[in-house]
Amino acid sequence: HKYRGCYIVAIDGTGVSTYSHKHCEYCLHKKSGSGVVTWSHNVLEAKLLTPTGLSLSIATEWISNEGRANYHVDFPFIGQLQNRHFFL
């Protein structure tokens, strides 16, 4: 399905899993105002949307916070999708 001749792609982040303890060396972490630490795995997804509501993953990037205060996303294919004339 196309809109004005372009495919419709949604880009969104989502949580894959959450833990009350460090699950592995790649776990993200955040501390609440009360000091509780939550560990998780999150991804940024690019999905092709269909007229029936089906969404098909066309690109996935794991989100990391490698020692940073904020999450970091290395999502190089956004530019590639735009260069291919996807509607973003």
N, C-alpha and C. Protein backbone atom coordinates (compact mmCIF):
# COMPACT_ATOMS: atom_id res chain seq x y z
N HIS A 1 0.85 -1.17 0.00
CA HIS A 1 0.00 0.00 0.00
C HIS A 1 0.89 1.23 0.00
N LYS A 2 0.51 2.21 -0.81
CA LYS A 2 1.30 3.43 -0.90
C LYS A 2 0.42 4.64 -0.64
N TYR A 3 1.05 5.69 -0.15
CA TYR A 3 0.40 6.98 0.04
C TYR A 3 1.18 7.98 -0.80
N ARG A 4 0.51 8.58 -1.77
CA ARG A 4 1.16 9.52 -2.70
C ARG A 4 2.38 8.88 -3.36
N GLY A 5 2.26 7.61 -3.68
CA GLY A 5 3.32 6.90 -4.38
C GLY A 5 4.46 6.40 -3.50
N CYS A 6 4.33 6.56 -2.19
CA CYS A 6 5.41 6.13 -1.28
C CYS A 6 4.89 5.10 -0.28
N TYR A 7 5.76 4.19 0.11
CA TYR A 7 5.40 3.24 1.15
C TYR A 7 5.32 3.96 2.49
N ILE A 8 4.46 3.48 3.37
CA ILE A 8 4.31 4.07 4.69
C ILE A 8 5.13 3.24 5.67
N VAL A 9 6.07 3.90 6.34
CA VAL A 9 6.95 3.24 7.30
C VAL A 9 6.81 3.95 8.64
N ALA A 10 6.59 3.17 9.70
CA ALA A 10 6.54 3.71 11.06
C ALA A 10 7.85 3.36 11.76
N ILE A 11 8.38 4.32 12.51
CA ILE A 11 9.61 4.09 13.28
C ILE A 11 9.28 4.35 14.74
N ASP A 12 9.53 3.33 15.58
CA ASP A 12 9.14 3.44 16.99
C ASP A 12 10.05 2.56 17.84
N GLY A 13 10.25 2.97 19.06
CA GLY A 13 11.00 2.17 20.02
C GLY A 13 10.04 1.35 20.86
N THR A 14 10.51 0.18 21.27
CA THR A 14 9.67 -0.68 22.11
C THR A 14 10.55 -1.51 23.04
N GLY A 15 9.98 -1.87 24.17
CA GLY A 15 10.66 -2.73 25.11
C GLY A 15 10.46 -4.18 24.73
N VAL A 16 11.52 -4.95 24.77
CA VAL A 16 11.45 -6.38 24.45
C VAL A 16 11.27 -7.19 25.73
N SER A 17 12.00 -6.80 26.79
CA SER A 17 11.90 -7.50 28.07
C SER A 17 12.38 -6.58 29.19
N THR A 18 11.92 -6.87 30.42
CA THR A 18 12.28 -6.09 31.60
C THR A 18 12.63 -7.04 32.73
N TYR A 19 13.63 -6.65 33.54
CA TYR A 19 14.10 -7.49 34.64
C TYR A 19 14.31 -6.65 35.90
N SER A 20 14.25 -7.30 37.05
CA SER A 20 14.55 -6.63 38.32
C SER A 20 16.02 -6.81 38.69
N HIS A 21 16.77 -7.51 37.84
CA HIS A 21 18.20 -7.74 38.05
C HIS A 21 18.91 -7.65 36.70
N LYS A 22 20.22 -7.51 36.74
CA LYS A 22 20.97 -7.45 35.49
C LYS A 22 20.96 -8.83 34.85
N HIS A 23 20.35 -8.92 33.69
CA HIS A 23 20.17 -10.18 32.98
C HIS A 23 21.42 -10.59 32.21
N CYS A 24 22.09 -9.60 31.61
CA CYS A 24 23.30 -9.87 30.83
C CYS A 24 24.10 -8.58 30.68
N GLU A 25 25.24 -8.66 30.03
CA GLU A 25 26.11 -7.48 29.90
C GLU A 25 25.52 -6.41 28.99
N TYR A 26 24.49 -6.73 28.21
CA TYR A 26 23.89 -5.77 27.28
C TYR A 26 22.64 -5.11 27.83
N CYS A 27 22.23 -5.43 29.04
CA CYS A 27 21.01 -4.86 29.62
C CYS A 27 21.11 -3.34 29.73
N LEU A 28 20.02 -2.67 29.39
CA LEU A 28 19.88 -1.25 29.67
C LEU A 28 19.47 -1.13 31.12
N HIS A 29 19.71 0.02 31.72
CA HIS A 29 19.28 0.21 33.10
C HIS A 29 18.82 1.64 33.31
N LYS A 30 17.87 1.79 34.21
CA LYS A 30 17.43 3.13 34.61
C LYS A 30 17.04 3.07 36.07
N LYS A 31 17.21 4.20 36.74
CA LYS A 31 16.90 4.29 38.15
C LYS A 31 15.71 5.21 38.34
N SER A 32 14.70 4.75 39.07
CA SER A 32 13.52 5.57 39.34
C SER A 32 13.85 6.62 40.40
N GLY A 33 12.93 7.54 40.61
CA GLY A 33 13.11 8.56 41.62
C GLY A 33 13.28 7.99 43.01
N SER A 34 12.70 6.81 43.25
CA SER A 34 12.82 6.17 44.56
C SER A 34 14.06 5.29 44.67
N GLY A 35 14.88 5.24 43.60
CA GLY A 35 16.13 4.50 43.65
C GLY A 35 16.06 3.07 43.14
N VAL A 36 14.90 2.63 42.66
CA VAL A 36 14.76 1.26 42.14
C VAL A 36 15.37 1.20 40.74
N VAL A 37 16.25 0.22 40.52
CA VAL A 37 16.89 0.04 39.21
C VAL A 37 16.11 -1.02 38.43
N THR A 38 15.79 -0.69 37.18
CA THR A 38 15.11 -1.62 36.28
C THR A 38 16.05 -1.91 35.11
N TRP A 39 16.18 -3.19 34.77
CA TRP A 39 17.03 -3.63 33.68
C TRP A 39 16.14 -4.05 32.52
N SER A 40 16.56 -3.78 31.28
CA SER A 40 15.69 -4.10 30.14
C SER A 40 16.48 -4.23 28.85
N HIS A 41 15.79 -4.70 27.82
CA HIS A 41 16.29 -4.73 26.45
C HIS A 41 15.24 -4.02 25.60
N ASN A 42 15.68 -3.02 24.82
CA ASN A 42 14.78 -2.24 23.97
C ASN A 42 15.32 -2.20 22.55
N VAL A 43 14.43 -2.00 21.59
CA VAL A 43 14.82 -1.90 20.19
C VAL A 43 14.11 -0.71 19.54
N LEU A 44 14.71 -0.23 18.46
CA LEU A 44 14.07 0.74 17.59
C LEU A 44 13.73 0.00 16.31
N GLU A 45 12.47 0.07 15.90
CA GLU A 45 11.99 -0.70 14.75
C GLU A 45 11.50 0.22 13.64
N ALA A 46 11.81 -0.15 12.41
CA ALA A 46 11.19 0.46 11.23
C ALA A 46 10.24 -0.60 10.68
N LYS A 47 8.97 -0.23 10.53
CA LYS A 47 7.97 -1.20 10.09
C LYS A 47 7.20 -0.67 8.89
N LEU A 48 7.02 -1.54 7.91
CA LEU A 48 6.20 -1.24 6.75
C LEU A 48 4.75 -1.47 7.14
N LEU A 49 3.89 -0.46 6.94
CA LEU A 49 2.48 -0.57 7.34
C LEU A 49 1.63 -0.96 6.15
N THR A 50 0.64 -1.83 6.39
CA THR A 50 -0.28 -2.25 5.33
C THR A 50 -1.66 -1.67 5.60
N PRO A 51 -2.53 -1.62 4.59
CA PRO A 51 -3.87 -1.06 4.78
C PRO A 51 -4.72 -1.86 5.77
N THR A 52 -4.39 -3.12 6.01
CA THR A 52 -5.18 -3.95 6.93
C THR A 52 -4.71 -3.80 8.38
N GLY A 53 -3.66 -3.01 8.60
CA GLY A 53 -3.15 -2.82 9.95
C GLY A 53 -1.96 -3.71 10.28
N LEU A 54 -1.58 -4.56 9.37
CA LEU A 54 -0.42 -5.42 9.57
C LEU A 54 0.85 -4.57 9.47
N SER A 55 1.80 -4.80 10.35
CA SER A 55 3.08 -4.10 10.28
C SER A 55 4.19 -5.14 10.15
N LEU A 56 5.05 -4.93 9.18
CA LEU A 56 6.14 -5.86 8.89
C LEU A 56 7.47 -5.20 9.19
N SER A 57 8.28 -5.81 10.04
CA SER A 57 9.59 -5.25 10.37
C SER A 57 10.49 -5.27 9.15
N ILE A 58 11.08 -4.11 8.86
CA ILE A 58 12.03 -4.04 7.74
C ILE A 58 13.43 -3.67 8.23
N ALA A 59 13.53 -3.20 9.48
CA ALA A 59 14.83 -2.88 10.07
C ALA A 59 14.68 -2.82 11.58
N THR A 60 15.69 -3.32 12.29
CA THR A 60 15.69 -3.32 13.76
C THR A 60 17.06 -2.90 14.25
N GLU A 61 17.09 -2.08 15.28
CA GLU A 61 18.36 -1.67 15.89
C GLU A 61 18.21 -1.77 17.40
N TRP A 62 19.12 -2.48 18.06
CA TRP A 62 19.11 -2.57 19.51
C TRP A 62 19.51 -1.23 20.10
N ILE A 63 18.89 -0.83 21.18
CA ILE A 63 19.19 0.41 21.87
C ILE A 63 20.15 0.09 23.01
N SER A 64 21.19 0.92 23.15
CA SER A 64 22.17 0.70 24.22
C SER A 64 22.37 1.98 25.01
N ASN A 65 22.85 1.83 26.23
CA ASN A 65 23.24 3.00 27.03
C ASN A 65 24.63 2.76 27.60
N GLU A 66 25.53 2.47 26.73
CA GLU A 66 26.90 2.08 27.05
C GLU A 66 27.59 3.09 27.97
N GLY A 67 27.25 3.08 29.25
CA GLY A 67 27.88 3.96 30.22
C GLY A 67 27.42 5.40 30.13
N ARG A 68 26.40 5.68 29.33
CA ARG A 68 25.91 7.04 29.17
C ARG A 68 24.71 7.27 30.07
N ALA A 69 24.44 8.52 30.34
CA ALA A 69 23.25 8.86 31.12
C ALA A 69 21.99 8.68 30.29
N ASN A 70 22.10 8.88 28.98
CA ASN A 70 20.94 8.75 28.09
C ASN A 70 21.12 7.55 27.18
N TYR A 71 20.01 7.04 26.68
CA TYR A 71 20.07 5.93 25.74
C TYR A 71 20.70 6.40 24.44
N HIS A 72 21.39 5.50 23.78
CA HIS A 72 22.05 5.81 22.52
C HIS A 72 21.52 4.85 21.46
N VAL A 73 21.20 5.38 20.30
CA VAL A 73 20.73 4.55 19.20
C VAL A 73 21.60 4.82 17.99
N ASP A 74 22.16 3.77 17.43
CA ASP A 74 22.89 3.87 16.18
C ASP A 74 21.97 3.30 15.12
N PHE A 75 21.30 4.15 14.39
CA PHE A 75 20.22 3.74 13.49
C PHE A 75 20.54 4.22 12.08
N PRO A 76 21.60 3.70 11.45
CA PRO A 76 22.07 4.25 10.18
C PRO A 76 21.12 4.06 9.01
N PHE A 77 20.19 3.11 9.10
CA PHE A 77 19.36 2.86 7.93
C PHE A 77 18.20 3.83 7.79
N ILE A 78 18.01 4.79 8.72
CA ILE A 78 16.98 5.82 8.51
C ILE A 78 17.31 6.58 7.23
N GLY A 79 18.56 6.98 7.09
CA GLY A 79 18.98 7.68 5.88
C GLY A 79 18.83 6.81 4.65
N GLN A 80 19.13 5.52 4.78
CA GLN A 80 18.98 4.61 3.65
C GLN A 80 17.52 4.49 3.24
N LEU A 81 16.61 4.43 4.22
CA LEU A 81 15.18 4.36 3.91
C LEU A 81 14.73 5.63 3.20
N GLN A 82 15.18 6.78 3.68
CA GLN A 82 14.80 8.05 3.06
C GLN A 82 15.34 8.12 1.63
N ASN A 83 16.55 7.66 1.42
CA ASN A 83 17.14 7.69 0.08
C ASN A 83 16.41 6.79 -0.90
N ARG A 84 15.71 5.81 -0.40
CA ARG A 84 14.94 4.92 -1.26
C ARG A 84 13.51 5.44 -1.46
N HIS A 85 13.25 6.66 -1.05
CA HIS A 85 11.97 7.36 -1.24
C HIS A 85 10.82 6.75 -0.46
N PHE A 86 11.12 6.18 0.70
CA PHE A 86 10.06 5.76 1.60
C PHE A 86 9.44 6.99 2.21
N PHE A 87 8.17 6.94 2.51
CA PHE A 87 7.48 8.05 3.18
C PHE A 87 7.79 7.95 4.66
N LEU A 88 8.52 8.91 5.23
CA LEU A 88 8.85 8.92 6.65
C LEU A 88 8.25 10.13 7.32
